[in-house]
Amino acid sequence: MLGHSHATSGALAWSGAAAALPVAILTYPTIQGVSGHLGPVDLLLGTFLTAGAALLPDADHPEGTIAHVLGPVSYYLCKLISWISGGHRHATHSFAFVAAVSYGTWAGEHWIGRWFTLGLVFFLLALAVRALHLCPPGDGIEAWGTIVVLAVAGTFAMDHWISDKPVWLPFSVGLGALVHLVGDCLTDRGCRLFWPFKLRTRVPIIDRTGNKLETWVLSPLFVLGTLAVLWYSITHQP
């Protein structure tokens, strides 16, 4: 799937999960015995951050959206990750990767603290800006320079609202990565969900990345669904 589709599906997954699931599940195992749902601020913050997190598995793809987020830095980092992970849709497109980024987020929050949280917020916002086409097209400095400016501005804005250790953030990052895998499993190539085993999981509904079904049907539905769920959740807060 295209980066835009991954980002919008991640946003929809978060908005739906945050609206439907109690805080105790979204923050497990940090908080137990807490009822109710997330407030409007955390709901909105999580929507943007999960949209960015839905690009993380493509860190193994030097030609993917994530590789062009921060110019040469992200490009060569993706090339390195691709070489280490065995190429596109191998190690980073697995349940093991979802678990790793979820735990890594939790560990970074608790061992490093606010600087880790804000650094992750910046990176996820940068991914969301690129995937949602909120910057000029192309790979030049006008594209990734705009991404940096918008992501920095967004991070400063979130700095006033997000806690040092947002307990829902590991769930948000893991959910974004998981939704990415689901989307890629809908293509003919599928994913090695159970890496390091070679078994590939696929339900080829989308015969070609970027086809009309994905571009003109699925992505718009993801956007409309996200907006509808957010509106309902915020307007029906107790």
Protein backbone atom coordinates (compact mmCIF):
# COMPACT_ATOMS: atom_id res chain seq x y z
CA MET A 1 0.00 0.00 0.00
CA LEU A 2 1.01 3.63 -0.47
CA GLY A 3 2.29 5.71 2.44
CA HIS A 4 -0.86 7.85 2.36
CA SER A 5 -3.05 4.75 2.73
CA HIS A 6 -0.97 3.44 5.61
CA ALA A 7 -1.15 6.78 7.43
CA THR A 8 -4.90 7.22 7.00
CA SER A 9 -5.61 3.62 8.02
CA GLY A 10 -3.44 4.15 11.12
CA ALA A 11 -5.39 7.28 12.02
CA LEU A 12 -8.69 5.43 11.62
CA ALA A 13 -7.48 2.48 13.71
CA TRP A 14 -6.40 4.74 16.56
CA SER A 15 -9.55 6.87 16.57
CA GLY A 16 -11.70 3.74 16.58
CA ALA A 17 -9.69 1.97 19.27
CA ALA A 18 -9.47 5.02 21.51
CA ALA A 19 -13.21 5.60 21.19
CA ALA A 20 -14.21 1.99 21.80
CA LEU A 21 -11.67 0.64 24.28
CA PRO A 22 -11.34 1.64 27.94
CA VAL A 23 -8.20 3.37 29.18
CA ALA A 24 -7.15 0.20 31.02
CA ILE A 25 -6.64 -1.60 27.69
CA LEU A 26 -5.01 1.31 25.83
CA THR A 27 -2.47 1.76 28.61
CA TYR A 28 -1.91 -1.88 29.63
CA PRO A 29 0.15 -2.80 31.65
CA THR A 30 0.87 0.70 32.98
CA ILE A 31 -2.57 1.41 34.41
CA GLN A 32 -4.98 -1.15 35.76
CA GLY A 33 -8.51 -0.82 37.07
CA VAL A 34 -9.20 2.51 35.32
CA SER A 35 -12.52 2.95 33.56
CA GLY A 36 -13.61 5.48 30.97
CA HIS A 37 -11.95 6.63 27.75
CA LEU A 38 -9.19 9.01 26.70
CA GLY A 39 -9.94 12.72 26.69
CA PRO A 40 -10.23 14.80 23.49
CA VAL A 41 -6.62 16.04 23.63
CA ASP A 42 -5.03 12.59 23.88
CA LEU A 43 -7.47 11.31 21.27
CA LEU A 44 -6.39 13.95 18.75
CA LEU A 45 -2.67 13.67 19.55
CA GLY A 46 -2.80 9.92 19.17
CA THR A 47 -4.53 10.19 15.79
CA PHE A 48 -1.63 12.12 14.25
CA LEU A 49 1.07 10.06 15.95
CA THR A 50 -0.48 6.72 14.97
CA ALA A 51 -0.73 7.97 11.38
CA GLY A 52 3.03 8.47 11.47
CA ALA A 53 3.70 5.18 13.26
CA ALA A 54 1.87 3.36 10.47
CA LEU A 55 4.90 4.12 8.25
CA LEU A 56 7.48 2.54 10.57
CA PRO A 57 7.60 -0.97 9.03
CA ASP A 58 8.71 0.59 5.73
CA ALA A 59 11.99 1.57 7.36
CA ASP A 60 13.32 -1.37 5.32
CA HIS A 61 12.37 0.32 2.03
CA PRO A 62 14.95 2.85 0.70
CA GLU A 63 12.47 4.01 -1.94
CA GLY A 64 9.47 4.25 0.36
CA THR A 65 7.84 7.30 1.94
CA ILE A 66 9.80 7.02 5.17
CA ALA A 67 13.13 7.14 3.32
CA HIS A 68 12.39 10.65 1.99
CA VAL A 69 11.22 12.22 5.25
CA LEU A 70 14.49 13.73 6.46
CA GLY A 71 16.51 13.84 3.26
CA PRO A 72 19.82 11.94 3.06
CA VAL A 73 19.68 11.05 6.76
CA SER A 74 16.50 8.99 6.48
CA TYR A 75 17.51 7.58 3.08
CA TYR A 76 20.79 6.08 4.25
CA LEU A 77 19.26 4.94 7.52
CA CYS A 78 16.59 3.04 5.58
CA LYS A 79 19.26 1.49 3.37
CA LEU A 80 21.07 0.26 6.48
CA ILE A 81 17.88 -1.12 8.02
CA SER A 82 16.99 -2.82 4.72
CA TRP A 83 20.39 -4.53 4.66
CA ILE A 84 20.15 -5.64 8.30
CA SER A 85 16.54 -6.86 8.07
CA GLY A 86 16.96 -8.82 4.84
CA GLY A 87 15.20 -6.45 2.45
CA HIS A 88 11.72 -5.08 2.02
CA ARG A 89 8.85 -6.89 3.79
CA HIS A 90 10.98 -9.18 5.87
CA ALA A 91 11.91 -8.53 9.54
CA THR A 92 10.22 -5.14 9.88
CA HIS A 93 6.95 -6.52 8.49
CA SER A 94 6.41 -9.00 11.30
CA PHE A 95 4.72 -9.38 14.68
CA ALA A 96 8.22 -9.34 16.20
CA PHE A 97 8.73 -5.81 14.88
CA VAL A 98 5.37 -4.65 16.27
CA ALA A 99 6.36 -5.99 19.68
CA ALA A 100 9.82 -4.40 19.41
CA VAL A 101 8.60 -0.89 18.61
CA SER A 102 5.88 -1.09 21.27
CA TYR A 103 8.31 -2.18 23.96
CA GLY A 104 10.97 0.22 22.69
CA THR A 105 8.54 3.11 23.06
CA TRP A 106 7.64 2.07 26.61
CA ALA A 107 11.30 1.61 27.54
CA GLY A 108 12.35 4.93 26.04
CA GLU A 109 9.62 6.77 27.92
CA HIS A 110 10.60 5.24 31.25
CA TRP A 111 14.39 5.14 30.94
CA ILE A 112 15.07 8.34 28.99
CA GLY A 113 12.00 10.41 29.73
CA ARG A 114 10.60 13.52 28.11
CA TRP A 115 13.40 14.03 25.59
CA PHE A 116 12.69 10.60 24.15
CA THR A 117 8.96 11.33 24.04
CA LEU A 118 9.44 14.64 22.23
CA GLY A 119 11.99 13.14 19.83
CA LEU A 120 9.57 10.35 18.95
CA VAL A 121 6.74 12.87 18.56
CA PHE A 122 8.88 14.88 16.12
CA PHE A 123 9.73 11.83 14.03
CA LEU A 124 6.17 10.48 13.91
CA LEU A 125 4.83 13.92 12.99
CA ALA A 126 7.42 14.15 10.22
CA LEU A 127 6.23 10.81 8.85
CA ALA A 128 2.60 11.94 9.01
CA VAL A 129 3.36 15.22 7.23
CA ARG A 130 5.09 13.40 4.38
CA ALA A 131 2.53 10.62 4.06
CA LEU A 132 -0.46 12.98 4.15
CA HIS A 133 1.10 15.20 1.45
CA LEU A 134 1.31 18.29 3.66
CA CYS A 135 4.66 19.22 2.12
CA PRO A 136 5.93 19.93 -1.43
CA PRO A 137 6.48 16.80 -3.55
CA GLY A 138 9.91 15.48 -4.40
CA ASP A 139 13.09 14.67 -2.50
CA GLY A 140 14.73 18.11 -2.43
CA ILE A 141 15.37 20.41 0.49
CA GLU A 142 12.11 22.26 -0.16
CA ALA A 143 10.27 19.01 0.62
CA TRP A 144 12.11 17.68 3.65
CA GLY A 145 12.88 21.19 4.88
CA THR A 146 9.15 21.89 5.03
CA ILE A 147 8.64 18.57 6.82
CA VAL A 148 11.20 19.53 9.47
CA VAL A 149 9.63 22.96 10.01
CA LEU A 150 6.10 21.55 10.34
CA ALA A 151 7.21 18.67 12.57
CA VAL A 152 9.14 21.03 14.86
CA ALA A 153 6.14 23.35 15.07
CA GLY A 154 3.87 20.41 15.83
CA THR A 155 6.25 19.11 18.50
CA PHE A 156 6.36 22.51 20.22
CA ALA A 157 2.56 22.59 20.14
CA MET A 158 2.26 19.07 21.56
CA ASP A 159 4.85 19.90 24.21
CA HIS A 160 2.17 21.93 25.99
CA TRP A 161 -0.33 19.07 25.98
CA ILE A 162 1.47 15.74 26.07
CA SER A 163 2.76 14.27 29.33
CA ASP A 164 6.36 13.20 29.94
CA LYS A 165 5.37 9.53 29.70
CA PRO A 166 2.06 9.29 27.81
CA VAL A 167 0.87 5.86 28.85
CA TRP A 168 -1.05 5.36 25.60
CA LEU A 169 1.92 6.04 23.31
CA PRO A 170 3.32 2.45 23.18
CA PHE A 171 -0.14 1.22 22.19
CA SER A 172 -0.36 3.96 19.53
CA VAL A 173 3.02 3.07 18.00
CA GLY A 174 2.33 -0.67 18.08
CA LEU A 175 -1.13 -0.21 16.60
CA GLY A 176 0.23 1.90 13.75
CA ALA A 177 2.84 -0.72 12.89
CA LEU A 178 0.25 -3.52 13.12
CA VAL A 179 -2.19 -1.73 10.80
CA HIS A 180 0.64 -1.34 8.28
CA LEU A 181 1.12 -5.10 8.26
CA VAL A 182 -2.60 -5.68 7.77
CA GLY A 183 -2.59 -3.34 4.80
CA ASP A 184 0.41 -4.98 3.16
CA CYS A 185 -1.11 -8.42 3.69
CA LEU A 186 -3.95 -7.31 1.42
CA THR A 187 -1.50 -7.19 -1.50
CA ASP A 188 -0.22 -10.12 -3.56
CA ARG A 189 3.24 -10.06 -1.98
CA GLY A 190 1.99 -10.22 1.59
CA CYS A 191 4.21 -10.14 4.70
CA ARG A 192 6.34 -12.49 6.75
CA LEU A 193 4.26 -11.94 9.87
CA PHE A 194 5.96 -14.81 11.69
CA TRP A 195 9.54 -13.82 10.77
CA PRO A 196 12.11 -15.38 11.02
CA PHE A 197 9.98 -18.18 9.54
CA LYS A 198 9.57 -17.86 5.78
CA LEU A 199 5.79 -18.24 5.71
CA ARG A 200 4.08 -15.30 3.96
CA THR A 201 0.57 -14.21 4.86
CA ARG A 202 -1.51 -12.61 2.11
CA VAL A 203 -5.11 -11.95 1.17
CA PRO A 204 -4.63 -10.30 -2.25
CA ILE A 205 -7.55 -7.89 -2.40
CA ILE A 206 -5.31 -5.12 -3.75
CA ASP A 207 -3.61 -6.49 -6.86
CA ARG A 208 -1.27 -3.51 -7.29
CA THR A 209 -0.04 -0.80 -4.93
CA GLY A 210 -1.64 2.51 -5.79
CA ASN A 211 -4.46 1.03 -7.88
CA LYS A 212 -7.89 2.69 -8.15
CA LEU A 213 -9.38 0.64 -5.31
CA GLU A 214 -6.73 1.85 -2.90
CA THR A 215 -6.48 5.44 -4.17
CA TRP A 216 -10.12 6.29 -4.87
CA VAL A 217 -12.01 4.04 -2.46
CA LEU A 218 -10.00 2.85 0.55
CA SER A 219 -7.98 5.99 1.36
CA PRO A 220 -10.97 8.37 1.17
CA LEU A 221 -12.99 5.98 3.32
CA PHE A 222 -10.19 5.90 5.91
CA VAL A 223 -10.19 9.71 6.06
CA LEU A 224 -13.96 10.02 6.29
CA GLY A 225 -14.13 7.26 8.87
CA THR A 226 -11.47 8.95 11.03
CA LEU A 227 -13.24 12.31 10.93
CA ALA A 228 -16.59 10.70 11.74
CA VAL A 229 -15.22 8.75 14.72
CA LEU A 230 -13.34 11.77 16.08
CA TRP A 231 -16.42 13.98 15.79
CA TYR A 232 -18.59 11.42 17.54
CA SER A 233 -16.06 10.73 20.27
CA ILE A 234 -15.38 14.39 21.07
CA THR A 235 -19.00 15.52 20.95
CA HIS A 236 -20.12 12.64 23.16
CA GLN A 237 -17.50 13.06 25.86
CA PRO A 238 -19.16 12.89 29.31
